[in-house]
Amino acid sequence: MATTFLILLLFALFASTLAFIFTGVLILILLIHPLLLNWIGKLYGQEDIADEVHFAKTKDGWNLALHRHVPIQPNPQLAPVLVVHGIATNKFVMDLDRRHSLPYYLKLRGYDVFAVSLRGCGRSYHESPTRYEDSTFDDIVKYDVPAMIEKVKKITGSDRISYVGHSMGAMILYSHFCISEHKKDVEDIAAFVSLGGPGNLNHIGITLIGMLSRFPRARKMLDLKFGASILAPLAGELYTPIDEVLYNPNTTSSRTVKKIMKNAIENVSDGVTEQFMHWIETKRMHSLNGFYDYVQLQKKISVPSLFIAGEKDVIATPESVRSVYEKASSRKKEFRVISKANGASDDYGHACLVMGDRAEDDVFQHVESFLKKHGLRDQPGIGTKIKEGILSALFRFRG
């Protein structure tokens, strides 16, 4: 009995000491965090490599930052390209530095490219700070997508653009097509590339995002942007279960992960978070007003589309990306999995598709090849359309 009491007493003292130390460390971080962030910024901060910055104003008052890469030798046949990031990130996840930038890669090949930061992210801003909390996924679809498409068309003088979206950046264009009532909304898009854009979230339950849906108070306490910046020096050094969800360390160096943590991570508005959590819990993806089923209406995707998935992606599994490919009514559509078995340097995870150290060879070349073929400023002539229709009918008949 005395021995048991002694053990419990020692354990209590040990636990109290650990709690005291942990509290002290947190207080110290809070006191010195401005100096700490400044030091981390010097180590891992990244300057914007874009040539220009423009702003697209939405009908609900947001000003979306469009970071433009102007080609030295532009190809006048190619439509300008809009590159769109996913949830909890900004444009830097797609446009980090010259070795990790799809926009820069395309710029060198004659494309006029715009990397956007959606509402609440990067340099995008609203006059009223409360709008940040009010934003939902539906708001991004309804307001951000048309605003940035129209702005790119206006700047470049092109009637059409190509659209490349990563993760949620692809999902918002799926949904844009879902709610579209006008032929013009489809004609605006010359070609579409989805990089890890899941068609549904039914598989998310066992991930961190799924767990957060069950603990709303924990979500409220998370400051992703601050936490990512503070932890940047440690990022990529210890491979945790959270890292496993996001990327494959065999394809992405720790230095790249550190820079992403410092520059690309953003907080997520409550509205977007709540909508995603509701989808995960109910396994149904409807608009907030209930009018649109964002899964069933994926059949309205009719533009030339390339769907790319990472073999080790657990956020946008190959199956969830393929589900959109199969629903899409596009006559010209392709599906590709980035894996060692398919010739890539390794099996790609979710973020690897845009920040992998060998993404230029494993991913970007396939994007560029598709855009070069389908992402043209001018629509195909009537003769070409008739020919393609006949070939498509023959293909279906033989199948």
Protein backbone atom coordinates (compact mmCIF):
# COMPACT_ATOMS: atom_id res chain seq x y z
CA MET A 1 0.00 0.00 0.00
CA ALA A 2 2.78 2.41 0.95
CA THR A 3 4.67 1.48 -2.20
CA THR A 4 1.63 2.15 -4.37
CA PHE A 5 1.08 5.52 -2.69
CA LEU A 6 4.74 6.43 -3.24
CA ILE A 7 4.55 5.49 -6.92
CA LEU A 8 1.39 7.58 -7.39
CA LEU A 9 3.01 10.52 -5.58
CA LEU A 10 6.12 10.35 -7.75
CA PHE A 11 3.99 10.08 -10.89
CA ALA A 12 1.95 13.12 -9.83
CA LEU A 13 5.09 15.12 -9.15
CA PHE A 14 6.56 14.04 -12.50
CA ALA A 15 3.35 14.95 -14.35
CA SER A 16 3.16 18.28 -12.55
CA THR A 17 6.77 19.03 -13.46
CA LEU A 18 6.12 18.21 -17.12
CA ALA A 19 3.01 20.39 -17.11
CA PHE A 20 4.99 23.22 -15.53
CA ILE A 21 7.78 22.89 -18.12
CA PHE A 22 5.27 22.70 -20.99
CA THR A 23 3.45 25.80 -19.71
CA GLY A 24 6.75 27.63 -19.38
CA VAL A 25 7.72 26.75 -22.94
CA LEU A 26 4.37 28.01 -24.25
CA ILE A 27 4.71 31.27 -22.32
CA LEU A 28 8.24 31.70 -23.64
CA ILE A 29 7.08 31.14 -27.22
CA LEU A 30 4.30 33.71 -26.78
CA LEU A 31 6.76 36.25 -25.40
CA ILE A 32 9.44 35.83 -28.05
CA HIS A 33 7.29 34.79 -31.02
CA PRO A 34 7.81 38.09 -32.92
CA LEU A 35 11.58 37.55 -32.79
CA LEU A 36 11.12 33.86 -33.55
CA LEU A 37 8.94 34.55 -36.59
CA ASN A 38 11.45 37.12 -37.84
CA TRP A 39 14.27 34.57 -37.56
CA ILE A 40 12.20 31.87 -39.29
CA GLY A 41 11.29 34.36 -42.01
CA LYS A 42 14.95 35.06 -42.71
CA LEU A 43 15.67 31.34 -42.95
CA TYR A 44 12.66 30.14 -44.93
CA GLY A 45 10.87 33.23 -46.25
CA GLN A 46 10.26 33.31 -49.98
CA GLU A 47 9.95 36.31 -52.29
CA ASP A 48 7.19 36.31 -54.87
CA ILE A 49 8.66 35.22 -58.22
CA ALA A 50 5.69 36.52 -60.23
CA ASP A 51 6.18 39.47 -62.58
CA GLU A 52 3.00 41.39 -61.73
CA VAL A 53 0.15 41.38 -59.20
CA HIS A 54 -3.42 42.24 -60.18
CA PHE A 55 -6.65 42.10 -58.19
CA ALA A 56 -9.99 40.64 -59.24
CA LYS A 57 -12.94 42.16 -57.36
CA THR A 58 -15.82 39.85 -56.49
CA LYS A 59 -19.45 40.93 -56.31
CA ASP A 60 -19.37 40.52 -52.52
CA GLY A 61 -16.37 42.81 -52.08
CA TRP A 62 -13.30 40.59 -51.99
CA ASN A 63 -10.16 41.58 -53.91
CA LEU A 64 -8.42 38.41 -55.09
CA ALA A 65 -4.67 38.62 -55.72
CA LEU A 66 -3.64 37.36 -59.16
CA HIS A 67 0.13 36.85 -59.44
CA ARG A 68 1.00 37.02 -63.13
CA HIS A 69 3.90 35.27 -64.85
CA VAL A 70 4.52 36.97 -68.21
CA PRO A 71 6.29 34.80 -70.80
CA ILE A 72 9.37 36.23 -72.51
CA GLN A 73 8.34 34.56 -75.76
CA PRO A 74 4.54 34.20 -75.61
CA ASN A 75 2.75 31.69 -77.80
CA PRO A 76 -0.27 33.60 -79.19
CA GLN A 77 -2.19 30.37 -79.81
CA LEU A 78 -2.23 29.38 -76.13
CA ALA A 79 -4.98 30.50 -73.78
CA PRO A 80 -3.85 32.18 -70.54
CA VAL A 81 -3.73 29.81 -67.58
CA LEU A 82 -5.33 30.33 -64.17
CA VAL A 83 -3.68 28.26 -61.40
CA VAL A 84 -5.73 27.79 -58.22
CA HIS A 85 -4.59 26.44 -54.83
CA GLY A 86 -6.51 24.29 -52.34
CA ILE A 87 -7.85 24.64 -48.81
CA ALA A 88 -5.68 26.11 -46.01
CA THR A 89 -3.04 27.37 -48.46
CA ASN A 90 -2.30 30.33 -50.72
CA LYS A 91 -0.67 30.77 -54.10
CA PHE A 92 2.77 29.84 -52.76
CA VAL A 93 1.84 26.15 -52.58
CA MET A 94 1.57 26.21 -56.40
CA ASP A 95 4.16 28.93 -57.03
CA LEU A 96 6.88 28.65 -54.38
CA ASP A 97 10.19 29.18 -56.19
CA ARG A 98 11.62 28.52 -59.63
CA ARG A 99 12.13 24.82 -58.88
CA HIS A 100 8.69 24.34 -57.37
CA SER A 101 6.30 26.36 -59.51
CA LEU A 102 3.86 25.17 -62.14
CA PRO A 103 3.21 28.80 -63.22
CA TYR A 104 6.93 29.44 -63.77
CA TYR A 105 7.28 26.12 -65.61
CA LEU A 106 4.44 27.08 -67.97
CA LYS A 107 5.76 30.64 -68.36
CA LEU A 108 9.03 29.29 -69.76
CA ARG A 109 6.99 27.44 -72.39
CA GLY A 110 5.09 30.47 -73.66
CA TYR A 111 2.03 30.57 -71.41
CA ASP A 112 0.65 33.69 -69.71
CA VAL A 113 -0.06 32.38 -66.20
CA PHE A 114 -1.95 33.74 -63.19
CA ALA A 115 -1.55 32.15 -59.74
CA VAL A 116 -4.43 33.25 -57.52
CA SER A 117 -4.85 33.53 -53.77
CA LEU A 118 -8.51 32.92 -52.98
CA ARG A 119 -10.50 34.97 -50.45
CA GLY A 120 -8.88 35.14 -47.02
CA CYS A 121 -5.54 33.93 -48.36
CA GLY A 122 -2.23 35.56 -49.28
CA ARG A 123 -2.53 39.15 -50.47
CA SER A 124 -6.27 38.96 -51.12
CA TYR A 125 -8.28 41.32 -48.93
CA HIS A 126 -11.71 42.67 -48.02
CA GLU A 127 -12.53 46.07 -46.54
CA SER A 128 -14.56 44.40 -43.78
CA PRO A 129 -12.58 41.82 -41.74
CA THR A 130 -15.79 40.09 -40.60
CA ARG A 131 -16.32 38.83 -44.15
CA TYR A 132 -13.50 36.38 -43.53
CA GLU A 133 -15.66 34.47 -41.04
CA ASP A 134 -18.74 34.61 -43.28
CA SER A 135 -17.19 32.93 -46.32
CA THR A 136 -18.27 29.45 -47.35
CA PHE A 137 -17.33 27.03 -50.11
CA ASP A 138 -20.48 28.15 -51.94
CA ASP A 139 -19.26 31.77 -51.77
CA ILE A 140 -15.97 30.83 -53.42
CA VAL A 141 -17.83 29.01 -56.19
CA LYS A 142 -20.41 31.76 -56.71
CA TYR A 143 -18.14 34.81 -56.45
CA ASP A 144 -14.42 33.97 -56.68
CA VAL A 145 -14.46 31.68 -59.71
CA PRO A 146 -16.30 34.02 -62.12
CA ALA A 147 -14.41 37.10 -60.86
CA MET A 148 -10.94 35.67 -61.45
CA ILE A 149 -11.88 34.16 -64.81
CA GLU A 150 -13.26 37.49 -66.05
CA LYS A 151 -10.23 39.41 -64.76
CA VAL A 152 -7.77 37.13 -66.54
CA LYS A 153 -9.78 37.44 -69.76
CA LYS A 154 -9.83 41.23 -69.44
CA ILE A 155 -6.08 41.54 -68.76
CA THR A 156 -5.06 39.23 -71.60
CA GLY A 157 -7.78 40.02 -74.13
CA SER A 158 -8.49 36.32 -74.52
CA ASP A 159 -12.03 34.96 -74.84
CA ARG A 160 -11.03 31.74 -73.10
CA ILE A 161 -8.69 30.57 -70.36
CA SER A 162 -7.26 27.27 -69.18
CA TYR A 163 -7.81 26.35 -65.54
CA VAL A 164 -5.51 24.24 -63.33
CA GLY A 165 -6.76 23.54 -59.81
CA HIS A 166 -5.15 21.63 -56.95
CA SER A 167 -7.35 19.92 -54.36
CA MET A 168 -10.17 22.35 -53.43
CA GLY A 169 -8.97 24.53 -56.30
CA ALA A 170 -10.23 21.79 -58.63
CA MET A 171 -13.37 21.16 -56.57
CA ILE A 172 -14.56 24.76 -56.94
CA LEU A 173 -14.47 24.45 -60.73
CA TYR A 174 -16.34 21.13 -60.56
CA SER A 175 -18.99 23.00 -58.58
CA HIS A 176 -18.86 26.05 -60.87
CA PHE A 177 -19.92 23.78 -63.72
CA CYS A 178 -22.55 22.17 -61.45
CA ILE A 179 -24.36 25.46 -60.78
CA SER A 180 -23.80 26.93 -64.24
CA GLU A 181 -26.94 27.97 -66.07
CA HIS A 182 -25.26 29.70 -69.01
CA LYS A 183 -23.41 28.29 -72.00
CA LYS A 184 -20.86 31.09 -71.63
CA ASP A 185 -19.65 29.64 -68.31
CA VAL A 186 -18.50 26.55 -70.17
CA GLU A 187 -17.19 28.38 -73.23
CA ASP A 188 -14.91 30.47 -70.98
CA ILE A 189 -12.80 27.38 -70.22
CA ALA A 190 -10.57 26.04 -72.99
CA ALA A 191 -9.11 23.21 -70.90
CA PHE A 192 -9.27 22.03 -67.30
CA VAL A 193 -6.66 20.16 -65.25
CA SER A 194 -7.51 18.71 -61.85
CA LEU A 195 -4.51 17.95 -59.63
CA GLY A 196 -5.71 15.83 -56.73
CA GLY A 197 -9.26 17.18 -56.82
CA PRO A 198 -11.48 14.65 -54.99
CA GLY A 199 -14.93 13.95 -56.37
CA ASN A 200 -16.29 13.28 -52.89
CA LEU A 201 -15.13 13.22 -49.26
CA ASN A 202 -16.56 9.85 -48.25
CA HIS A 203 -13.09 8.46 -47.52
CA ILE A 204 -11.92 11.32 -45.26
CA GLY A 205 -13.28 9.95 -41.96
CA ILE A 206 -10.02 8.44 -40.67
CA THR A 207 -7.83 11.45 -41.39
CA LEU A 208 -7.08 14.51 -39.26
CA ILE A 209 -9.79 16.46 -41.08
CA GLY A 210 -12.28 13.74 -40.25
CA MET A 211 -11.28 13.77 -36.57
CA LEU A 212 -11.65 17.55 -36.39
CA SER A 213 -15.24 17.23 -37.54
CA ARG A 214 -15.96 15.48 -34.24
CA PHE A 215 -14.18 18.09 -32.10
CA PRO A 216 -15.50 21.56 -33.02
CA ARG A 217 -13.79 23.26 -30.07
CA ALA A 218 -10.41 21.98 -31.23
CA ARG A 219 -11.07 23.53 -34.64
CA LYS A 220 -11.77 26.91 -33.06
CA MET A 221 -8.46 26.82 -31.19
CA LEU A 222 -6.34 26.02 -34.23
CA ASP A 223 -4.32 28.85 -35.76
CA LEU A 224 -2.86 27.01 -38.72
CA LYS A 225 -0.91 29.93 -40.14
CA PHE A 226 0.82 30.82 -36.86
CA GLY A 227 1.42 27.19 -35.92
CA ALA A 228 2.88 26.32 -39.31
CA SER A 229 5.25 29.29 -39.19
CA ILE A 230 6.48 28.45 -35.68
CA LEU A 231 6.98 24.77 -36.55
CA ALA A 232 8.65 25.44 -39.91
CA PRO A 233 12.22 24.72 -38.64
CA LEU A 234 11.09 21.25 -37.51
CA ALA A 235 9.03 20.46 -40.61
CA GLY A 236 10.33 17.58 -42.66
CA GLU A 237 12.68 16.42 -39.92
CA LEU A 238 10.17 14.17 -38.16
CA TYR A 239 7.71 12.26 -40.35
CA THR A 240 4.43 12.21 -38.41
CA PRO A 241 1.02 10.69 -39.26
CA ILE A 242 -0.10 14.19 -40.29
CA ASP A 243 2.80 14.42 -42.74
CA GLU A 244 1.86 11.03 -44.13
CA VAL A 245 -1.59 12.36 -45.00
CA LEU A 246 -0.12 15.34 -46.84
CA TYR A 247 2.96 14.17 -48.74
CA ASN A 248 5.53 11.46 -49.45
CA PRO A 249 8.95 12.45 -48.02
CA ASN A 250 10.66 10.49 -50.78
CA THR A 251 9.40 13.04 -53.31
CA THR A 252 9.70 16.24 -51.29
CA SER A 253 12.78 17.56 -49.47
CA SER A 254 12.60 18.86 -45.89
CA ARG A 255 13.78 22.26 -47.14
CA THR A 256 10.77 22.49 -49.45
CA VAL A 257 8.39 21.48 -46.66
CA LYS A 258 9.88 24.16 -44.37
CA LYS A 259 9.34 26.85 -47.02
CA ILE A 260 5.78 25.70 -47.63
CA MET A 261 5.04 25.81 -43.90
CA LYS A 262 6.41 29.34 -43.61
CA ASN A 263 4.89 30.84 -46.77
CA ALA A 264 1.92 28.83 -48.01
CA ILE A 265 -0.25 27.85 -45.03
CA GLU A 266 -3.41 29.84 -44.23
CA ASN A 267 -6.25 29.70 -41.74
CA VAL A 268 -9.60 28.43 -42.98
CA SER A 269 -12.80 30.43 -42.52
CA ASP A 270 -15.43 28.95 -40.21
CA GLY A 271 -17.92 28.81 -43.07
CA VAL A 272 -15.70 26.69 -45.30
CA THR A 273 -14.72 24.46 -42.37
CA GLU A 274 -18.32 23.87 -41.30
CA GLN A 275 -19.41 23.03 -44.84
CA PHE A 276 -16.58 20.53 -45.32
CA MET A 277 -17.26 18.96 -41.91
CA HIS A 278 -20.96 18.59 -42.77
CA TRP A 279 -20.07 16.84 -46.03
CA ILE A 280 -17.72 14.47 -44.22
CA GLU A 281 -20.28 13.64 -41.54
CA THR A 282 -23.22 13.14 -43.91
CA LYS A 283 -21.21 11.74 -46.86
CA ARG A 284 -23.22 14.05 -49.12
CA MET A 285 -21.96 17.18 -50.88
CA HIS A 286 -24.79 19.64 -51.34
CA SER A 287 -24.80 23.42 -51.56
CA LEU A 288 -25.99 25.14 -48.38
CA ASN A 289 -29.37 25.97 -49.93
CA GLY A 290 -29.83 22.32 -50.90
CA PHE A 291 -30.37 23.14 -54.58
CA TYR A 292 -27.21 21.56 -55.94
CA ASP A 293 -25.72 18.11 -55.45
CA TYR A 294 -22.04 18.78 -56.14
CA VAL A 295 -21.37 15.08 -56.80
CA GLN A 296 -24.25 14.11 -59.06
CA LEU A 297 -23.92 17.30 -61.12
CA GLN A 298 -20.27 16.56 -61.99
CA LYS A 299 -21.74 15.15 -65.20
CA LYS A 300 -22.01 18.81 -66.33
CA ILE A 301 -18.20 18.97 -66.72
CA SER A 302 -17.99 19.02 -70.51
CA VAL A 303 -14.74 20.84 -71.34
CA PRO A 304 -11.49 18.99 -72.23
CA SER A 305 -10.31 17.73 -68.85
CA LEU A 306 -7.24 16.01 -67.41
CA PHE A 307 -7.62 14.37 -64.00
CA ILE A 308 -4.38 13.61 -62.13
CA ALA A 309 -4.16 11.66 -58.87
CA GLY A 310 -1.27 10.64 -56.62
CA GLU A 311 -0.89 6.94 -55.88
CA LYS A 312 -0.35 7.60 -52.14
CA ASP A 313 -2.85 10.44 -51.83
CA VAL A 314 -5.28 9.75 -48.97
CA ILE A 315 -7.07 13.12 -49.26
CA ALA A 316 -7.87 12.81 -52.96
CA THR A 317 -7.51 9.07 -53.46
CA PRO A 318 -7.13 7.82 -57.04
CA GLU A 319 -10.62 6.34 -56.71
CA SER A 320 -12.18 9.66 -55.66
CA VAL A 321 -10.49 11.52 -58.53
CA ARG A 322 -11.43 8.82 -61.01
CA SER A 323 -15.07 9.13 -59.93
CA VAL A 324 -15.15 12.68 -61.35
CA TYR A 325 -13.43 11.52 -64.53
CA GLU A 326 -16.11 8.87 -65.01
CA LYS A 327 -19.00 11.26 -64.33
CA ALA A 328 -17.67 14.06 -66.57
CA SER A 329 -19.40 14.27 -69.96
CA SER A 330 -16.29 15.67 -71.66
CA ARG A 331 -15.51 14.12 -75.02
CA LYS A 332 -11.84 14.76 -74.41
CA LYS A 333 -10.85 13.56 -70.98
CA GLU A 334 -7.89 11.76 -69.50
CA PHE A 335 -7.09 10.17 -66.15
CA ARG A 336 -3.56 9.62 -64.85
CA VAL A 337 -2.11 8.30 -61.59
CA ILE A 338 1.36 9.55 -60.64
CA SER A 339 3.15 6.45 -59.41
CA LYS A 340 6.37 4.53 -59.75
CA ALA A 341 4.49 1.85 -61.66
CA ASN A 342 3.44 4.48 -64.23
CA GLY A 343 6.96 5.83 -64.74
CA ALA A 344 7.21 8.52 -62.06
CA SER A 345 10.18 8.79 -59.69
CA ASP A 346 7.99 7.61 -56.78
CA ASP A 347 4.39 7.27 -55.60
CA TYR A 348 3.01 10.78 -55.12
CA GLY A 349 0.98 12.07 -52.17
CA HIS A 350 -1.48 14.96 -52.09
CA ALA A 351 0.85 17.96 -51.87
CA CYS A 352 3.62 16.26 -53.87
CA LEU A 353 1.62 16.91 -57.04
CA VAL A 354 2.50 20.61 -56.81
CA MET A 355 5.55 20.80 -54.52
CA GLY A 356 7.44 17.58 -55.26
CA ASP A 357 11.13 18.09 -56.04
CA ARG A 358 10.70 16.17 -59.32
CA ALA A 359 7.18 17.36 -60.09
CA GLU A 360 8.41 19.06 -63.27
CA ASP A 361 9.20 15.65 -64.78
CA ASP A 362 6.56 13.58 -63.02
CA VAL A 363 3.55 15.93 -63.18
CA PHE A 364 4.06 19.29 -64.89
CA GLN A 365 5.05 17.85 -68.27
CA HIS A 366 1.69 16.04 -68.47
CA VAL A 367 -0.17 19.23 -67.57
CA GLU A 368 1.70 21.23 -70.21
CA SER A 369 1.21 18.56 -72.86
CA PHE A 370 -2.55 18.57 -72.27
CA LEU A 371 -2.78 22.37 -72.27
CA LYS A 372 -0.72 22.61 -75.44
CA LYS A 373 -3.18 20.32 -77.19
CA HIS A 374 -6.48 21.61 -75.79
CA GLY A 375 -5.82 24.95 -74.06
CA LEU A 376 -6.08 27.18 -77.13
CA ARG A 377 -7.36 30.76 -77.32
CA ASP A 378 -9.60 30.02 -80.29
CA GLN A 379 -12.29 27.37 -80.26
CA PRO A 380 -12.00 24.57 -82.84
CA GLY A 381 -13.76 25.28 -86.15
CA ILE A 382 -16.99 23.56 -87.18
CA GLY A 383 -15.11 21.08 -89.37
CA THR A 384 -12.91 20.02 -86.50
CA LYS A 385 -15.92 19.66 -84.22
CA ILE A 386 -17.76 17.45 -86.75
CA LYS A 387 -14.66 15.29 -87.20
CA GLU A 388 -14.21 14.93 -83.45
CA GLY A 389 -17.89 14.08 -83.04
CA ILE A 390 -17.68 11.31 -85.65
CA LEU A 391 -14.51 9.89 -84.10
CA SER A 392 -16.07 10.02 -80.64
CA ALA A 393 -19.18 8.19 -81.88
CA LEU A 394 -17.07 5.52 -83.59
CA PHE A 395 -15.03 5.07 -80.42
CA ARG A 396 -18.18 4.58 -78.33
CA PHE A 397 -19.64 2.17 -80.93
CA ARG A 398 -16.48 0.02 -80.91
CA GLY A 399 -16.41 0.12 -77.10
